[in-house]
Amino acid sequence: MTLLEWMISYLSDRNKANSLYRRGMSKAKKHNHHGAIEDYTMALAVPDTPSEMKAMILYNRGLVHVAAGMAPEGADDLNAVLAMEEAAPNVKSAAHKKLSRIKARKSKRSA
């Protein structure tokens, strides 16, 4: 691979989305919820981000929303994952389980 090919690959949209996704995961691990949500949101806005990656980004952003005390926003992201035909079955399953836990917590608080 030539230097020019490497630079083009590095600057590609997919790589931008992947870099933002990884940075968001790093911030989430450090409990920097706002920063993680911001990075995930920017990754979703990158043109031509593969659908499978978008599903993972939405799933992770949903988890961070919930961890930050923003369960309704998290549920919106998780429901978006469930609506995606291209999302991997394991991602959809994890989103479904998390949504079930959100609903269970909400019903406990209402009782």
C-alpha atoms as a PDB file:
ATOM      1  CA  MET A   1       0.000   0.000   0.000  1.00  0.00           C
ATOM      2  CA  THR A   2       1.405   3.363  -1.000  1.00  0.00           C
ATOM      3  CA  LEU A   3       1.411   6.347   1.301  1.00  0.00           C
ATOM      4  CA  LEU A   4      -1.280   8.008  -0.806  1.00  0.00           C
ATOM      5  CA  GLU A   5      -3.511   4.932  -0.643  1.00  0.00           C
ATOM      6  CA  TRP A   6      -3.010   4.759   3.102  1.00  0.00           C
ATOM      7  CA  MET A   7      -3.930   8.444   3.516  1.00  0.00           C
ATOM      8  CA  ILE A   8      -7.064   8.031   1.404  1.00  0.00           C
ATOM      9  CA  SER A   9      -8.059   4.978   3.407  1.00  0.00           C
ATOM     10  CA  TYR A  10      -7.333   6.749   6.691  1.00  0.00           C
ATOM     11  CA  LEU A  11      -9.463   9.710   5.755  1.00  0.00           C
ATOM     12  CA  SER A  12     -12.367   7.668   4.431  1.00  0.00           C
ATOM     13  CA  ASP A  13     -15.811   8.166   5.879  1.00  0.00           C
ATOM     14  CA  ARG A  14     -15.890   4.651   7.282  1.00  0.00           C
ATOM     15  CA  ASN A  15     -12.653   5.274   9.127  1.00  0.00           C
ATOM     16  CA  LYS A  16     -13.958   8.585  10.477  1.00  0.00           C
ATOM     17  CA  ALA A  17     -17.077   6.867  11.804  1.00  0.00           C
ATOM     18  CA  ASN A  18     -15.006   4.043  13.291  1.00  0.00           C
ATOM     19  CA  SER A  19     -12.623   6.498  14.976  1.00  0.00           C
ATOM     20  CA  LEU A  20     -15.506   8.447  16.497  1.00  0.00           C
ATOM     21  CA  TYR A  21     -17.158   5.201  17.605  1.00  0.00           C
ATOM     22  CA  ARG A  22     -13.993   3.999  19.322  1.00  0.00           C
ATOM     23  CA  ARG A  23     -13.458   7.394  20.934  1.00  0.00           C
ATOM     24  CA  GLY A  24     -17.038   7.297  22.203  1.00  0.00           C
ATOM     25  CA  MET A  25     -16.461   3.847  23.700  1.00  0.00           C
ATOM     26  CA  SER A  26     -13.327   5.104  25.431  1.00  0.00           C
ATOM     27  CA  LYS A  27     -15.181   8.058  26.910  1.00  0.00           C
ATOM     28  CA  ALA A  28     -18.058   5.817  28.002  1.00  0.00           C
ATOM     29  CA  LYS A  29     -15.612   3.570  29.882  1.00  0.00           C
ATOM     30  CA  LYS A  30     -14.367   6.681  31.709  1.00  0.00           C
ATOM     31  CA  HIS A  31     -17.973   7.637  32.564  1.00  0.00           C
ATOM     32  CA  ASN A  32     -17.750  10.728  30.349  1.00  0.00           C
ATOM     33  CA  HIS A  33     -21.352  10.307  29.263  1.00  0.00           C
ATOM     34  CA  HIS A  34     -21.764  13.653  27.529  1.00  0.00           C
ATOM     35  CA  GLY A  35     -18.546  13.204  25.545  1.00  0.00           C
ATOM     36  CA  ALA A  36     -19.467   9.648  24.529  1.00  0.00           C
ATOM     37  CA  ILE A  37     -22.945  10.686  23.388  1.00  0.00           C
ATOM     38  CA  GLU A  38     -21.427  13.526  21.380  1.00  0.00           C
ATOM     39  CA  ASP A  39     -18.931  11.216  19.655  1.00  0.00           C
ATOM     40  CA  TYR A  40     -21.577   8.597  18.903  1.00  0.00           C
ATOM     41  CA  THR A  41     -23.863  11.273  17.472  1.00  0.00           C
ATOM     42  CA  MET A  42     -21.076  12.595  15.232  1.00  0.00           C
ATOM     43  CA  ALA A  43     -20.280   9.043  14.082  1.00  0.00           C
ATOM     44  CA  LEU A  44     -23.917   8.537  13.083  1.00  0.00           C
ATOM     45  CA  ALA A  45     -23.781  11.729  11.012  1.00  0.00           C
ATOM     46  CA  VAL A  46     -20.814  10.570   8.913  1.00  0.00           C
ATOM     47  CA  PRO A  47     -22.005   9.860   5.363  1.00  0.00           C
ATOM     48  CA  ASP A  48     -21.899   6.261   4.164  1.00  0.00           C
ATOM     49  CA  THR A  49     -21.448   4.764   7.614  1.00  0.00           C
ATOM     50  CA  PRO A  50     -22.276   1.076   7.169  1.00  0.00           C
ATOM     51  CA  SER A  51     -25.654   0.076   8.590  1.00  0.00           C
ATOM     52  CA  GLU A  52     -24.123  -2.608  10.811  1.00  0.00           C
ATOM     53  CA  MET A  53     -21.848   0.027  12.371  1.00  0.00           C
ATOM     54  CA  LYS A  54     -24.772   2.422  12.814  1.00  0.00           C
ATOM     55  CA  ALA A  55     -26.631  -0.269  14.735  1.00  0.00           C
ATOM     56  CA  MET A  56     -23.695  -0.740  17.104  1.00  0.00           C
ATOM     57  CA  ILE A  57     -23.293   3.018  17.524  1.00  0.00           C
ATOM     58  CA  LEU A  58     -27.002   3.452  18.301  1.00  0.00           C
ATOM     59  CA  TYR A  59     -26.898   0.551  20.753  1.00  0.00           C
ATOM     60  CA  ASN A  60     -23.917   1.974  22.605  1.00  0.00           C
ATOM     61  CA  ARG A  61     -25.327   5.499  22.603  1.00  0.00           C
ATOM     62  CA  GLY A  62     -28.538   4.061  24.037  1.00  0.00           C
ATOM     63  CA  LEU A  63     -26.602   2.409  26.856  1.00  0.00           C
ATOM     64  CA  VAL A  64     -24.780   5.642  27.652  1.00  0.00           C
ATOM     65  CA  HIS A  65     -28.042   7.593  27.671  1.00  0.00           C
ATOM     66  CA  VAL A  66     -29.433   5.133  30.208  1.00  0.00           C
ATOM     67  CA  ALA A  67     -26.254   5.302  32.314  1.00  0.00           C
ATOM     68  CA  ALA A  68     -26.499   9.103  32.256  1.00  0.00           C
ATOM     69  CA  GLY A  69     -30.067   8.992  33.594  1.00  0.00           C
ATOM     70  CA  MET A  70     -31.680   9.697  30.230  1.00  0.00           C
ATOM     71  CA  ALA A  71     -33.662   6.471  29.845  1.00  0.00           C
ATOM     72  CA  PRO A  72     -36.214   7.850  27.331  1.00  0.00           C
ATOM     73  CA  GLU A  73     -33.433   8.860  24.938  1.00  0.00           C
ATOM     74  CA  GLY A  74     -31.756   5.519  25.487  1.00  0.00           C
ATOM     75  CA  ALA A  75     -34.992   3.688  24.740  1.00  0.00           C
ATOM     76  CA  ASP A  76     -35.360   5.692  21.511  1.00  0.00           C
ATOM     77  CA  ASP A  77     -31.902   4.559  20.353  1.00  0.00           C
ATOM     78  CA  LEU A  78     -32.557   0.942  21.313  1.00  0.00           C
ATOM     79  CA  ASN A  79     -35.901   0.969  19.507  1.00  0.00           C
ATOM     80  CA  ALA A  80     -34.125   2.380  16.440  1.00  0.00           C
ATOM     81  CA  VAL A  81     -31.757  -0.604  16.552  1.00  0.00           C
ATOM     82  CA  LEU A  82     -34.715  -2.992  16.657  1.00  0.00           C
ATOM     83  CA  ALA A  83     -36.226  -1.246  13.626  1.00  0.00           C
ATOM     84  CA  MET A  84     -33.051  -1.698  11.543  1.00  0.00           C
ATOM     85  CA  GLU A  85     -33.218  -4.674   9.187  1.00  0.00           C
ATOM     86  CA  GLU A  86     -29.430  -4.601   8.778  1.00  0.00           C
ATOM     87  CA  ALA A  87     -28.650  -4.836  12.497  1.00  0.00           C
ATOM     88  CA  ALA A  88     -26.966  -8.057  13.541  1.00  0.00           C
ATOM     89  CA  PRO A  89     -29.227 -10.473  15.454  1.00  0.00           C
ATOM     90  CA  ASN A  90     -27.031 -10.346  18.566  1.00  0.00           C
ATOM     91  CA  VAL A  91     -27.222  -6.536  18.619  1.00  0.00           C
ATOM     92  CA  LYS A  92     -31.005  -6.652  18.270  1.00  0.00           C
ATOM     93  CA  SER A  93     -31.225  -9.241  21.033  1.00  0.00           C
ATOM     94  CA  ALA A  94     -29.090  -7.134  23.372  1.00  0.00           C
ATOM     95  CA  ALA A  95     -31.173  -4.042  22.588  1.00  0.00           C
ATOM     96  CA  HIS A  96     -34.380  -5.968  23.298  1.00  0.00           C
ATOM     97  CA  LYS A  97     -33.030  -7.181  26.668  1.00  0.00           C
ATOM     98  CA  LYS A  98     -31.957  -3.683  27.674  1.00  0.00           C
ATOM     99  CA  LEU A  99     -35.354  -2.258  26.705  1.00  0.00           C
ATOM    100  CA  SER A 100     -37.032  -4.895  28.855  1.00  0.00           C
ATOM    101  CA  ARG A 101     -34.910  -3.842  31.839  1.00  0.00           C
ATOM    102  CA  ILE A 102     -35.726  -0.166  31.245  1.00  0.00           C
ATOM    103  CA  LYS A 103     -39.455  -0.968  31.195  1.00  0.00           C
ATOM    104  CA  ALA A 104     -39.166  -3.109  34.326  1.00  0.00           C
ATOM    105  CA  ARG A 105     -37.406  -0.295  36.220  1.00  0.00           C
ATOM    106  CA  LYS A 106     -39.992   2.210  35.044  1.00  0.00           C
ATOM    107  CA  SER A 107     -42.867   0.010  36.212  1.00  0.00           C
ATOM    108  CA  LYS A 108     -41.209  -0.480  39.635  1.00  0.00           C
ATOM    109  CA  ARG A 109     -40.948   3.277  40.060  1.00  0.00           C
ATOM    110  CA  SER A 110     -44.596   3.725  39.076  1.00  0.00           C
ATOM    111  CA  ALA A 111     -45.806   1.149  41.572  1.00  0.00           C
END
